[in-house]
């Protein structure tokens, strides 16, 4: 990689877009980003999105320690979630684990097993 190319990329502001991890993706390890992430596949590990929203699509499976700005759960999640802004668990979601967040919505039909601690 040329120095000009490296310098040009390092000067960019963090991306404000979003990333989609498709249904055939299987990721084991840590995921850290400063954008929104939509998971349609499987992730096992640690997810850190300090300024982003993690959306777990219907049919997706996540087993992770999660630290995000916001969580929108339609699929399955096992683990501890710290959402700085809010967490939304839809009617198709299944979650096992604890959530720490100032705002939470759990829809009728959602399956949730764990603890909730609300803090501002």
C-alpha atoms as a PDB file:
ATOM      1  CA  UNK A   1       0.000   0.000   0.000  1.00  0.00           C
ATOM      2  CA  UNK A   2       1.379   3.403  -0.901  1.00  0.00           C
ATOM      3  CA  UNK A   3       1.925   6.055   1.786  1.00  0.00           C
ATOM      4  CA  UNK A   4      -0.414   8.404  -0.080  1.00  0.00           C
ATOM      5  CA  UNK A   5      -3.246   5.829   0.025  1.00  0.00           C
ATOM      6  CA  UNK A   6      -2.657   5.057   3.736  1.00  0.00           C
ATOM      7  CA  UNK A   7      -2.635   8.742   4.706  1.00  0.00           C
ATOM      8  CA  UNK A   8      -5.771   9.454   2.704  1.00  0.00           C
ATOM      9  CA  UNK A   9      -7.679   6.635   4.467  1.00  0.00           C
ATOM     10  CA  UNK A  10      -6.476   7.613   7.955  1.00  0.00           C
ATOM     11  CA  UNK A  11      -7.793  11.155   7.477  1.00  0.00           C
ATOM     12  CA  UNK A  12     -11.374   9.989   6.970  1.00  0.00           C
ATOM     13  CA  UNK A  13     -13.969  10.511   9.655  1.00  0.00           C
ATOM     14  CA  UNK A  14     -15.536   7.319  11.024  1.00  0.00           C
ATOM     15  CA  UNK A  15     -18.218   5.955   8.733  1.00  0.00           C
ATOM     16  CA  UNK A  16     -21.780   6.865   9.604  1.00  0.00           C
ATOM     17  CA  UNK A  17     -23.285   4.145   7.414  1.00  0.00           C
ATOM     18  CA  UNK A  18     -24.277   0.647   8.340  1.00  0.00           C
ATOM     19  CA  UNK A  19     -22.963  -2.851   7.743  1.00  0.00           C
ATOM     20  CA  UNK A  20     -25.044  -5.928   6.974  1.00  0.00           C
ATOM     21  CA  UNK A  21     -23.678  -9.340   7.903  1.00  0.00           C
ATOM     22  CA  UNK A  22     -25.659 -11.671   5.645  1.00  0.00           C
ATOM     23  CA  UNK A  23     -27.396 -14.921   6.527  1.00  0.00           C
ATOM     24  CA  UNK A  24     -24.439 -17.092   5.471  1.00  0.00           C
ATOM     25  CA  UNK A  25     -21.926 -15.239   7.709  1.00  0.00           C
ATOM     26  CA  UNK A  26     -20.628 -17.109  10.760  1.00  0.00           C
ATOM     27  CA  UNK A  27     -18.325 -14.952  12.892  1.00  0.00           C
ATOM     28  CA  UNK A  28     -16.468 -16.126  15.975  1.00  0.00           C
ATOM     29  CA  UNK A  29     -14.539 -13.370  17.739  1.00  0.00           C
ATOM     30  CA  UNK A  30     -14.838  -9.680  18.468  1.00  0.00           C
ATOM     31  CA  UNK A  31     -16.743  -7.175  16.354  1.00  0.00           C
ATOM     32  CA  UNK A  32     -16.139  -3.468  16.981  1.00  0.00           C
ATOM     33  CA  UNK A  33     -17.497  -0.657  14.828  1.00  0.00           C
ATOM     34  CA  UNK A  34     -18.662   2.961  14.930  1.00  0.00           C
ATOM     35  CA  UNK A  35     -21.702   2.424  12.722  1.00  0.00           C
ATOM     36  CA  UNK A  36     -24.937   0.461  12.727  1.00  0.00           C
ATOM     37  CA  UNK A  37     -24.677  -3.293  12.184  1.00  0.00           C
ATOM     38  CA  UNK A  38     -27.432  -5.646  10.990  1.00  0.00           C
ATOM     39  CA  UNK A  39     -26.786  -9.323  11.741  1.00  0.00           C
ATOM     40  CA  UNK A  40     -28.617 -11.878   9.622  1.00  0.00           C
ATOM     41  CA  UNK A  41     -26.212 -14.773  10.281  1.00  0.00           C
ATOM     42  CA  UNK A  42     -24.483 -16.044  13.431  1.00  0.00           C
ATOM     43  CA  UNK A  43     -22.034 -14.306  15.764  1.00  0.00           C
ATOM     44  CA  UNK A  44     -20.302 -15.669  18.832  1.00  0.00           C
ATOM     45  CA  UNK A  45     -17.955 -13.460  20.854  1.00  0.00           C
ATOM     46  CA  UNK A  46     -18.078  -9.792  21.787  1.00  0.00           C
ATOM     47  CA  UNK A  47     -19.882  -6.947  19.973  1.00  0.00           C
ATOM     48  CA  UNK A  48     -18.996  -3.313  20.683  1.00  0.00           C
ATOM     49  CA  UNK A  49     -20.831  -0.500  18.873  1.00  0.00           C
ATOM     50  CA  UNK A  50     -20.487   2.547  21.160  1.00  0.00           C
ATOM     51  CA  UNK A  51     -22.225   4.875  18.708  1.00  0.00           C
ATOM     52  CA  UNK A  52     -24.229   2.349  16.701  1.00  0.00           C
ATOM     53  CA  UNK A  53     -27.359   0.231  16.709  1.00  0.00           C
ATOM     54  CA  UNK A  54     -27.146  -3.545  16.631  1.00  0.00           C
ATOM     55  CA  UNK A  55     -30.081  -5.112  14.810  1.00  0.00           C
ATOM     56  CA  UNK A  56     -30.386  -8.882  15.081  1.00  0.00           C
ATOM     57  CA  UNK A  57     -32.684 -10.003  12.265  1.00  0.00           C
ATOM     58  CA  UNK A  58     -35.317 -12.722  12.539  1.00  0.00           C
ATOM     59  CA  UNK A  59     -33.538 -16.055  12.094  1.00  0.00           C
ATOM     60  CA  UNK A  60     -30.147 -14.678  13.216  1.00  0.00           C
ATOM     61  CA  UNK A  61     -28.371 -16.043  16.291  1.00  0.00           C
ATOM     62  CA  UNK A  62     -25.994 -14.076  18.505  1.00  0.00           C
ATOM     63  CA  UNK A  63     -24.151 -15.413  21.534  1.00  0.00           C
ATOM     64  CA  UNK A  64     -22.115 -12.504  22.823  1.00  0.00           C
ATOM     65  CA  UNK A  65     -21.284  -9.848  25.342  1.00  0.00           C
ATOM     66  CA  UNK A  66     -22.940  -6.824  23.717  1.00  0.00           C
ATOM     67  CA  UNK A  67     -22.157  -3.123  24.322  1.00  0.00           C
ATOM     68  CA  UNK A  68     -24.091  -0.833  21.986  1.00  0.00           C
ATOM     69  CA  UNK A  69     -25.870   2.489  21.785  1.00  0.00           C
ATOM     70  CA  UNK A  70     -29.129   0.697  20.869  1.00  0.00           C
ATOM     71  CA  UNK A  71     -30.325  -2.871  20.375  1.00  0.00           C
ATOM     72  CA  UNK A  72     -33.161  -4.001  18.113  1.00  0.00           C
ATOM     73  CA  UNK A  73     -33.754  -7.728  18.522  1.00  0.00           C
ATOM     74  CA  UNK A  74     -35.884  -9.805  16.160  1.00  0.00           C
ATOM     75  CA  UNK A  75     -33.860 -13.052  16.314  1.00  0.00           C
ATOM     76  CA  UNK A  76     -32.064 -14.928  19.109  1.00  0.00           C
ATOM     77  CA  UNK A  77     -29.557 -13.471  21.554  1.00  0.00           C
ATOM     78  CA  UNK A  78     -27.776 -15.151  24.457  1.00  0.00           C
ATOM     79  CA  UNK A  79     -25.547 -12.978  26.600  1.00  0.00           C
ATOM     80  CA  UNK A  80     -25.273  -9.737  28.506  1.00  0.00           C
ATOM     81  CA  UNK A  81     -26.403  -6.521  26.831  1.00  0.00           C
ATOM     82  CA  UNK A  82     -25.457  -2.968  27.797  1.00  0.00           C
ATOM     83  CA  UNK A  83     -27.392  -0.533  25.621  1.00  0.00           C
ATOM     84  CA  UNK A  84     -26.581   3.101  26.384  1.00  0.00           C
ATOM     85  CA  UNK A  85     -29.764   4.501  24.836  1.00  0.00           C
ATOM     86  CA  UNK A  86     -32.444   1.792  24.453  1.00  0.00           C
ATOM     87  CA  UNK A  87     -33.280  -1.850  23.776  1.00  0.00           C
ATOM     88  CA  UNK A  88     -36.220  -3.087  21.704  1.00  0.00           C
ATOM     89  CA  UNK A  89     -37.196  -6.764  21.828  1.00  0.00           C
ATOM     90  CA  UNK A  90     -39.761  -7.611  19.159  1.00  0.00           C
ATOM     91  CA  UNK A  91     -42.477 -10.267  19.161  1.00  0.00           C
ATOM     92  CA  UNK A  92     -40.256 -12.673  17.162  1.00  0.00           C
ATOM     93  CA  UNK A  93     -37.254 -12.317  19.507  1.00  0.00           C
ATOM     94  CA  UNK A  94     -35.828 -14.773  21.995  1.00  0.00           C
ATOM     95  CA  UNK A  95     -33.330 -13.506  24.558  1.00  0.00           C
ATOM     96  CA  UNK A  96     -31.540 -15.218  27.403  1.00  0.00           C
ATOM     97  CA  UNK A  97     -29.385 -12.935  29.537  1.00  0.00           C
ATOM     98  CA  UNK A  98     -29.300  -9.647  31.361  1.00  0.00           C
ATOM     99  CA  UNK A  99     -29.927  -6.174  29.949  1.00  0.00           C
ATOM    100  CA  UNK A 100     -28.731  -2.842  31.341  1.00  0.00           C
ATOM    101  CA  UNK A 101     -30.382   0.113  29.562  1.00  0.00           C
ATOM    102  CA  UNK A 102     -32.298   3.300  30.420  1.00  0.00           C
ATOM    103  CA  UNK A 103     -35.235   2.431  28.080  1.00  0.00           C
ATOM    104  CA  UNK A 104     -36.617  -0.962  27.087  1.00  0.00           C
ATOM    105  CA  UNK A 105     -39.532  -2.255  25.045  1.00  0.00           C
ATOM    106  CA  UNK A 106     -40.540  -5.908  25.120  1.00  0.00           C
ATOM    107  CA  UNK A 107     -43.321  -6.765  22.658  1.00  0.00           C
ATOM    108  CA  UNK A 108     -46.103  -9.241  23.340  1.00  0.00           C
ATOM    109  CA  UNK A 109     -44.952 -12.660  22.187  1.00  0.00           C
ATOM    110  CA  UNK A 110     -41.242 -12.038  22.804  1.00  0.00           C
ATOM    111  CA  UNK A 111     -39.448 -14.669  24.853  1.00  0.00           C
ATOM    112  CA  UNK A 112     -37.155 -13.217  27.524  1.00  0.00           C
ATOM    113  CA  UNK A 113     -35.312 -14.948  30.339  1.00  0.00           C
ATOM    114  CA  UNK A 114     -32.973 -12.810  32.420  1.00  0.00           C
ATOM    115  CA  UNK A 115     -32.711  -9.634  34.382  1.00  0.00           C
ATOM    116  CA  UNK A 116     -33.334  -6.018  33.485  1.00  0.00           C
ATOM    117  CA  UNK A 117     -31.575  -3.116  35.173  1.00  0.00           C
ATOM    118  CA  UNK A 118     -32.683   0.325  34.071  1.00  0.00           C
ATOM    119  CA  UNK A 119     -30.290   3.183  34.658  1.00  0.00           C
ATOM    120  CA  UNK A 120     -29.981   6.659  33.261  1.00  0.00           C
END
